[in-house]
Amino acid sequence: MTDFVNNFIKTFEIGPEATQVGLLTFSESVKREFWLNEFLDKSALVKKVSSLRQSDTEGSSTQTHLGLDYMTNQLMTSAHGLRDGVPHIVIVLTDGNSTHPPKTSAAAQRLKAAGHSVYAIGVGKLYRQELDGIASDPSQVFLVDTFDALSEIKEILAIKVCVKACGERHPADVMFLVDSYRSGDLQTKKALDFMGQVSSNFEIGDASDSQIQVGLVHECLIGGFNFKKYSSKDDLEAGVERVKVHDFADVIEYMTVRSFTVDEGSRPNAKRVAVAIIDSKFPDTKKVKKAADKAKANNIEIFAIGVGAGNNYRELTLVASSPVKEHLFTVDSYDELTNIAEELKVNVCKDL
């Protein structure tokens, strides 16, 4: 458990003007480990967490409501470091169903009523309904089988609880390349739905904002829509719905020389990102590599997603930026695109 907490802490800037962290543990009783304003240096905070030892509570009850009420009445207070004007995030990590579910539900409501956004992480076979009741929203619930599996959700949790939406720190222009028209309208629709799913965490704005703009290039016309077309999330989603379903090298070339230009709405100060959804082998590998290399030389970061058995992994590595393990994804079908959406969001949103 302490490894997970430390790895999570390391993703944030710690300090009085940045992120503050407090910690309590609970079983039959509650133990406050440290207040929000007790450790304001990351190295000292990590050292403290590493020194914690889990007490022997085998066979004991799980008084979750006591921990939640202590959080509301003691830890999350101005007397112990809580600040106005910043989001107040609570992460509840438990490996046991509560002994008194009605008391737990009532305590969770008090915690949320105090203005705190609550995430719930369950380890093992827990009642999902109880975790949903603890969390502020069902989307803020995570379930893993073992403590070792906590590492799998660290980055996704970090991006969810992060104070700013993706795109508020630094502007970015994100272009989606869709290579699905050979597979038919249904598969193209699934690719576009995936585009909307990934974009749901983006702070969409126009060229005057320090936010994210989203564009689309597809093979049929080498067309789609440019960065200037939509300046709100609702308009973007409506535009994606209206898209109807060359050589992929031509698509990359079009993106580089046309899409990422001022005339098309791209901004000189924005990070350039491309997400390429590819479902077939390249007829001319050298041509694709040349086009991808040109895009990267123009400071375009490329994420490559191979769909289906028709892709060649080595060919996909020619498209993806480095490090490849963070920029290359493969799925068996368009239906499985949703399985990688969160991880792709995390990787795209780094530094944004």
Protein backbone atom coordinates (compact mmCIF):
# COMPACT_ATOMS: atom_id res chain seq x y z
CA MET A 1 0.00 0.00 0.00
CA THR A 2 2.78 2.45 0.88
CA ASP A 3 4.43 1.85 -2.50
CA PHE A 4 1.21 2.87 -4.25
CA VAL A 5 0.84 5.99 -2.10
CA ASN A 6 4.43 7.05 -2.74
CA ASN A 7 4.27 6.39 -6.48
CA PHE A 8 1.08 8.42 -6.61
CA ILE A 9 2.62 11.28 -4.61
CA LYS A 10 5.61 11.38 -6.95
CA THR A 11 3.37 12.40 -9.87
CA PHE A 12 2.62 15.75 -8.19
CA GLU A 13 4.54 18.87 -7.23
CA ILE A 14 4.47 19.03 -3.43
CA GLY A 15 4.58 22.31 -1.49
CA PRO A 16 2.60 25.08 0.22
CA GLU A 17 1.82 26.65 -3.16
CA ALA A 18 1.30 23.32 -4.90
CA THR A 19 -0.19 19.99 -3.75
CA GLN A 20 -0.47 19.15 -0.05
CA VAL A 21 -1.07 15.60 1.20
CA GLY A 22 -2.48 14.29 4.47
CA LEU A 23 -2.97 10.67 5.49
CA LEU A 24 -4.97 8.65 7.98
CA THR A 25 -5.45 4.90 8.41
CA PHE A 26 -8.45 3.11 9.85
CA SER A 27 -9.64 -0.35 10.89
CA GLU A 28 -11.33 -0.70 14.29
CA SER A 29 -10.11 2.80 15.08
CA VAL A 30 -8.60 5.77 13.26
CA LYS A 31 -4.95 6.81 13.28
CA ARG A 32 -3.87 10.14 11.87
CA GLU A 33 -0.50 9.62 10.17
CA PHE A 34 0.13 13.27 9.22
CA TRP A 35 -1.74 16.52 8.56
CA LEU A 36 -2.00 18.29 5.20
CA ASN A 37 0.55 20.93 6.21
CA GLU A 38 2.92 18.63 8.07
CA PHE A 39 5.17 17.58 5.15
CA LEU A 40 5.61 20.24 2.46
CA ASP A 41 8.71 18.75 0.85
CA LYS A 42 8.31 15.77 -1.48
CA SER A 43 11.39 13.87 -0.30
CA ALA A 44 10.38 14.20 3.36
CA LEU A 45 6.82 13.18 2.53
CA VAL A 46 7.95 10.08 0.61
CA LYS A 47 10.31 9.15 3.45
CA LYS A 48 7.48 9.42 5.97
CA VAL A 49 5.15 7.23 3.93
CA SER A 50 7.90 4.64 3.44
CA SER A 51 8.34 4.44 7.22
CA LEU A 52 4.70 3.51 7.84
CA ARG A 53 3.92 -0.05 8.83
CA GLN A 54 0.53 -1.67 8.46
CA SER A 55 -0.83 -2.75 11.82
CA ASP A 56 -2.01 -6.29 12.39
CA THR A 57 -5.78 -6.01 11.99
CA GLU A 58 -6.55 -9.55 10.89
CA GLY A 59 -10.03 -10.48 12.06
CA SER A 60 -10.86 -6.94 13.15
CA SER A 61 -13.81 -4.88 11.98
CA THR A 62 -13.68 -2.17 9.32
CA GLN A 63 -15.05 1.04 10.80
CA THR A 64 -15.03 2.99 7.55
CA HIS A 65 -17.43 5.62 8.88
CA LEU A 66 -14.96 6.60 11.60
CA GLY A 67 -12.28 7.30 9.00
CA LEU A 68 -14.65 9.34 6.85
CA ASP A 69 -15.87 11.42 9.77
CA TYR A 70 -12.31 12.04 10.99
CA MET A 71 -11.48 13.24 7.49
CA THR A 72 -14.42 15.67 7.54
CA ASN A 73 -14.02 16.98 11.07
CA GLN A 74 -10.25 16.90 11.61
CA LEU A 75 -7.91 16.30 8.70
CA MET A 76 -9.70 18.34 6.01
CA THR A 77 -9.88 21.55 8.05
CA SER A 78 -8.13 24.92 7.85
CA ALA A 79 -6.60 24.29 11.27
CA HIS A 80 -4.57 21.47 9.75
CA GLY A 81 -3.66 22.92 6.37
CA LEU A 82 -6.81 22.94 4.23
CA ARG A 83 -6.70 25.91 1.84
CA ASP A 84 -9.48 27.93 0.25
CA GLY A 85 -9.54 28.36 -3.52
CA VAL A 86 -8.11 24.94 -4.38
CA PRO A 87 -9.86 21.61 -5.06
CA HIS A 88 -10.25 19.38 -2.02
CA ILE A 89 -9.65 15.75 -3.02
CA VAL A 90 -10.16 12.69 -0.80
CA ILE A 91 -9.01 9.21 -1.84
CA VAL A 92 -10.43 6.33 0.20
CA LEU A 93 -8.49 3.06 -0.15
CA THR A 94 -10.06 0.01 1.49
CA ASP A 95 -9.71 -3.76 1.31
CA GLY A 96 -12.80 -4.62 3.35
CA ASN A 97 -16.52 -3.98 3.31
CA SER A 98 -17.54 -1.70 6.13
CA THR A 99 -18.94 -3.20 9.33
CA HIS A 100 -21.76 -0.63 9.47
CA PRO A 101 -22.89 0.22 5.89
CA PRO A 102 -25.61 2.72 6.93
CA LYS A 103 -23.11 4.64 9.07
CA THR A 104 -20.61 4.55 6.20
CA SER A 105 -23.17 5.96 3.78
CA ALA A 106 -24.11 8.77 6.15
CA ALA A 107 -20.47 9.65 6.85
CA ALA A 108 -19.71 9.71 3.11
CA GLN A 109 -22.57 12.13 2.55
CA ARG A 110 -21.22 14.44 5.26
CA LEU A 111 -17.76 14.33 3.68
CA LYS A 112 -19.09 15.20 0.23
CA ALA A 113 -21.43 17.86 1.62
CA ALA A 114 -18.35 19.60 3.04
CA GLY A 115 -17.25 20.24 -0.55
CA HIS A 116 -14.74 17.44 -1.01
CA SER A 117 -14.42 15.37 -4.20
CA VAL A 118 -14.15 11.74 -3.11
CA TYR A 119 -12.51 8.84 -4.96
CA ALA A 120 -12.94 5.26 -3.74
CA ILE A 121 -10.50 2.42 -4.41
CA GLY A 122 -11.50 -1.11 -3.47
CA VAL A 123 -8.98 -3.94 -3.21
CA GLY A 124 -10.37 -7.47 -3.42
CA LYS A 125 -13.99 -8.59 -3.48
CA LEU A 126 -15.87 -5.57 -2.19
CA TYR A 127 -19.42 -4.38 -2.68
CA ARG A 128 -19.38 -2.03 -5.64
CA GLN A 129 -22.58 -0.41 -4.39
CA GLU A 130 -20.88 0.70 -1.18
CA LEU A 131 -17.91 2.16 -3.07
CA ASP A 132 -20.32 4.03 -5.36
CA GLY A 133 -21.92 5.49 -2.25
CA ILE A 134 -18.58 6.65 -0.88
CA ALA A 135 -17.34 8.24 -4.12
CA SER A 136 -18.64 11.53 -5.47
CA ASP A 137 -19.45 9.84 -8.78
CA PRO A 138 -19.35 6.22 -10.05
CA SER A 139 -16.61 7.28 -12.49
CA GLN A 140 -14.47 7.98 -9.41
CA VAL A 141 -14.50 4.34 -8.27
CA PHE A 142 -11.65 1.90 -8.95
CA LEU A 143 -11.61 -1.84 -8.24
CA VAL A 144 -8.48 -4.02 -8.29
CA ASP A 145 -7.99 -7.65 -7.27
CA THR A 146 -4.85 -7.22 -5.18
CA PHE A 147 -2.62 -4.53 -3.68
CA ASP A 148 0.00 -5.40 -6.31
CA ALA A 149 -2.51 -4.39 -8.99
CA LEU A 150 -2.74 -0.84 -7.60
CA SER A 151 0.21 0.14 -9.78
CA GLU A 152 -1.99 -0.37 -12.83
CA ILE A 153 -4.31 2.51 -11.88
CA LYS A 154 -1.72 5.00 -10.56
CA GLU A 155 -1.43 7.19 -13.65
CA ILE A 156 -5.13 7.02 -14.52
CA LEU A 157 -6.03 8.06 -10.98
CA ALA A 158 -3.46 10.87 -11.08
CA ILE A 159 -4.88 12.36 -14.26
CA LYS A 160 -8.44 12.12 -12.91
CA VAL A 161 -7.71 13.88 -9.63
CA CYS A 162 -5.40 16.43 -11.22
CA VAL A 163 -6.55 19.96 -10.49
CA LYS A 164 -6.62 21.22 -14.06
CA ALA A 165 -8.34 19.63 -17.04
CA CYS A 166 -6.05 18.45 -19.81
CA GLY A 167 -5.06 21.53 -21.80
CA GLU A 168 -5.30 24.18 -19.09
CA ARG A 169 -1.56 24.23 -18.40
CA HIS A 170 -0.32 24.41 -21.98
CA PRO A 171 -2.19 24.70 -25.28
CA ALA A 172 -2.18 21.75 -27.66
CA ASP A 173 -3.48 21.03 -31.14
CA VAL A 174 -4.50 17.37 -31.40
CA MET A 175 -5.18 15.88 -34.83
CA PHE A 176 -6.83 12.46 -35.23
CA LEU A 177 -5.99 10.44 -38.36
CA VAL A 178 -8.58 7.79 -39.18
CA ASP A 179 -7.70 4.92 -41.55
CA SER A 180 -10.94 2.93 -41.36
CA TYR A 181 -12.95 3.62 -44.50
CA ARG A 182 -12.05 0.22 -46.00
CA SER A 183 -13.69 -1.44 -43.00
CA GLY A 184 -17.06 0.23 -43.53
CA ASP A 185 -19.21 2.86 -41.89
CA LEU A 186 -19.76 0.93 -38.65
CA GLN A 187 -16.04 0.66 -37.89
CA THR A 188 -15.51 4.30 -38.86
CA LYS A 189 -18.28 5.29 -36.46
CA LYS A 190 -16.55 3.32 -33.68
CA ALA A 191 -13.28 5.11 -34.44
CA LEU A 192 -15.04 8.47 -34.23
CA ASP A 193 -16.77 7.48 -30.98
CA PHE A 194 -13.32 6.64 -29.60
CA MET A 195 -12.11 10.06 -30.67
CA GLY A 196 -14.93 11.63 -28.68
CA GLN A 197 -14.17 9.43 -25.67
CA VAL A 198 -10.50 10.43 -25.62
CA SER A 199 -11.38 14.11 -26.12
CA SER A 200 -13.84 14.10 -23.21
CA ASN A 201 -11.09 15.02 -20.74
CA PHE A 202 -9.71 17.80 -22.94
CA GLU A 203 -10.38 21.47 -22.16
CA ILE A 204 -11.66 22.42 -25.63
CA GLY A 205 -11.23 26.04 -26.70
CA ASP A 206 -10.51 28.30 -29.66
CA ALA A 207 -7.23 29.74 -30.86
CA SER A 208 -7.28 32.57 -28.31
CA ASP A 209 -7.39 30.19 -25.34
CA SER A 210 -4.63 28.19 -23.66
CA GLN A 211 -6.64 25.06 -24.28
CA ILE A 212 -6.89 22.10 -26.63
CA GLN A 213 -8.13 22.20 -30.20
CA VAL A 214 -9.06 18.96 -31.96
CA GLY A 215 -9.04 18.24 -35.68
CA LEU A 216 -9.65 15.24 -37.91
CA VAL A 217 -8.11 13.90 -41.11
CA HIS A 218 -9.57 10.84 -42.84
CA GLU A 219 -8.57 9.11 -46.02
CA CYS A 220 -11.73 9.31 -48.06
CA LEU A 221 -11.18 12.90 -49.26
CA ILE A 222 -8.17 13.57 -47.25
CA GLY A 223 -10.62 15.80 -45.42
CA GLY A 224 -12.34 16.14 -42.08
CA PHE A 225 -12.32 19.41 -40.17
CA ASN A 226 -9.62 21.82 -39.10
CA PHE A 227 -8.73 23.36 -35.74
CA LYS A 228 -10.84 26.49 -36.32
CA LYS A 229 -14.06 24.59 -36.97
CA TYR A 230 -15.17 23.94 -33.38
CA SER A 231 -14.45 25.92 -30.21
CA SER A 232 -16.66 24.06 -27.73
CA LYS A 233 -16.97 20.44 -26.65
CA ASP A 234 -20.64 20.23 -27.72
CA ASP A 235 -19.89 21.57 -31.21
CA LEU A 236 -16.94 19.18 -31.53
CA GLU A 237 -19.09 16.18 -30.62
CA ALA A 238 -21.77 17.27 -33.10
CA GLY A 239 -19.10 17.68 -35.78
CA VAL A 240 -17.76 14.18 -35.16
CA GLU A 241 -21.29 12.82 -35.61
CA ARG A 242 -21.55 14.50 -39.04
CA VAL A 243 -18.32 13.07 -40.43
CA LYS A 244 -18.98 10.49 -43.17
CA VAL A 245 -17.00 7.78 -43.75
CA HIS A 246 -5.00 7.35 -50.25
CA ASP A 247 -2.37 5.91 -49.01
CA PHE A 248 -1.72 6.48 -45.32
CA ALA A 249 1.54 8.24 -46.11
CA ASP A 250 -0.54 10.84 -47.96
CA VAL A 251 -2.70 11.29 -44.87
CA ILE A 252 0.37 11.95 -42.70
CA GLU A 253 1.78 14.30 -45.32
CA TYR A 254 -1.53 16.19 -45.54
CA MET A 255 -1.58 16.55 -41.77
CA THR A 256 1.97 17.90 -41.68
CA VAL A 257 1.79 20.42 -44.52
CA ARG A 258 -1.90 21.41 -44.29
CA SER A 259 -3.51 20.63 -40.95
CA PHE A 260 -0.78 22.04 -38.71
CA THR A 261 -0.74 25.48 -40.31
CA VAL A 262 -2.00 28.88 -39.18
CA ASP A 263 -4.47 28.94 -42.08
CA GLU A 264 -6.07 25.77 -40.71
CA GLY A 265 -6.18 27.11 -37.16
CA SER A 266 -3.04 25.56 -35.68
CA ARG A 267 -1.23 27.78 -33.18
CA PRO A 268 2.54 28.41 -33.19
CA ASN A 269 2.74 28.17 -29.39
CA ALA A 270 0.73 24.94 -29.09
CA LYS A 271 2.07 21.45 -28.64
CA ARG A 272 1.42 19.38 -31.77
CA VAL A 273 -0.08 15.92 -31.25
CA ALA A 274 -1.38 13.36 -33.75
CA VAL A 275 -3.35 10.21 -32.93
CA ALA A 276 -3.31 7.77 -35.86
CA ILE A 277 -5.86 4.92 -35.93
CA ILE A 278 -4.62 2.35 -38.45
CA ASP A 279 -6.37 -0.88 -39.46
CA SER A 280 -4.38 -2.11 -42.47
CA LYS A 281 -0.84 -2.76 -43.64
CA PHE A 282 1.01 -0.02 -45.48
CA PRO A 283 1.36 -0.59 -49.24
CA ASP A 284 4.58 1.44 -49.25
CA THR A 285 6.44 1.23 -45.92
CA LYS A 286 9.28 3.51 -47.02
CA LYS A 287 6.83 6.21 -48.06
CA VAL A 288 5.04 6.01 -44.70
CA LYS A 289 8.32 6.18 -42.78
CA LYS A 290 9.41 9.22 -44.78
CA ALA A 291 6.09 10.97 -44.09
CA ALA A 292 6.19 10.09 -40.38
CA ASP A 293 9.79 11.26 -40.05
CA LYS A 294 8.85 14.56 -41.69
CA ALA A 295 5.98 15.00 -39.24
CA LYS A 296 8.23 14.34 -36.25
CA ALA A 297 10.84 16.74 -37.65
CA ASN A 298 8.06 19.34 -37.59
CA ASN A 299 7.61 18.72 -33.85
CA ILE A 300 4.48 16.59 -34.19
CA GLU A 301 4.21 13.92 -31.49
CA ILE A 302 2.53 10.83 -32.99
CA PHE A 303 0.52 8.17 -31.15
CA ALA A 304 -0.13 5.11 -33.33
CA ILE A 305 -3.02 2.70 -32.69
CA GLY A 306 -3.10 -0.54 -34.67
CA VAL A 307 -6.55 -2.14 -34.99
CA GLY A 308 -7.03 -5.79 -35.99
CA ALA A 309 -4.75 -8.54 -37.22
CA GLY A 310 -3.92 -6.73 -40.45
CA ASN A 311 -1.26 -4.53 -38.87
CA ASN A 312 2.45 -5.18 -38.74
CA TYR A 313 3.90 -4.12 -35.38
CA ARG A 314 7.26 -3.17 -36.89
CA GLU A 315 5.51 -0.92 -39.40
CA LEU A 316 3.57 0.79 -36.62
CA THR A 317 6.82 1.57 -34.79
CA LEU A 318 7.85 3.60 -37.84
CA VAL A 319 4.87 5.89 -37.27
CA ALA A 320 4.90 6.18 -33.46
CA SER A 321 7.08 8.71 -31.66
CA SER A 322 9.64 7.69 -29.04
CA PRO A 323 9.49 6.14 -26.55
CA VAL A 324 7.46 3.63 -28.54
CA LYS A 325 6.02 1.92 -25.45
CA GLU A 326 4.18 5.17 -24.59
CA HIS A 327 3.13 6.00 -28.14
CA LEU A 328 2.06 2.66 -29.65
CA PHE A 329 -1.13 0.74 -28.88
CA THR A 330 -2.65 -2.36 -30.48
CA VAL A 331 -6.17 -3.76 -30.14
CA ASP A 332 -7.87 -6.72 -31.81
CA SER A 333 -10.94 -4.81 -32.99
CA TYR A 334 -12.61 -1.40 -33.05
CA ASP A 335 -14.81 -2.56 -30.16
CA GLU A 336 -11.68 -2.73 -27.98
CA LEU A 337 -10.60 0.87 -28.61
CA THR A 338 -12.51 1.91 -25.50
CA ASN A 339 -10.16 -0.27 -23.42
CA ILE A 340 -7.17 1.96 -24.16
CA ALA A 341 -8.92 5.34 -23.99
CA GLU A 342 -7.88 6.17 -20.42
CA GLU A 343 -4.23 5.20 -20.92
CA LEU A 344 -4.08 7.20 -24.14
CA LYS A 345 -5.56 10.23 -22.36
CA VAL A 346 -2.88 9.96 -19.69
CA ASN A 347 -0.06 9.82 -22.24
CA VAL A 348 -1.45 12.60 -24.45
CA CYS A 349 -2.11 14.86 -21.45
CA LYS A 350 1.40 14.75 -20.01
CA ASP A 351 2.60 18.35 -19.55
CA LEU A 352 -0.70 19.78 -20.85
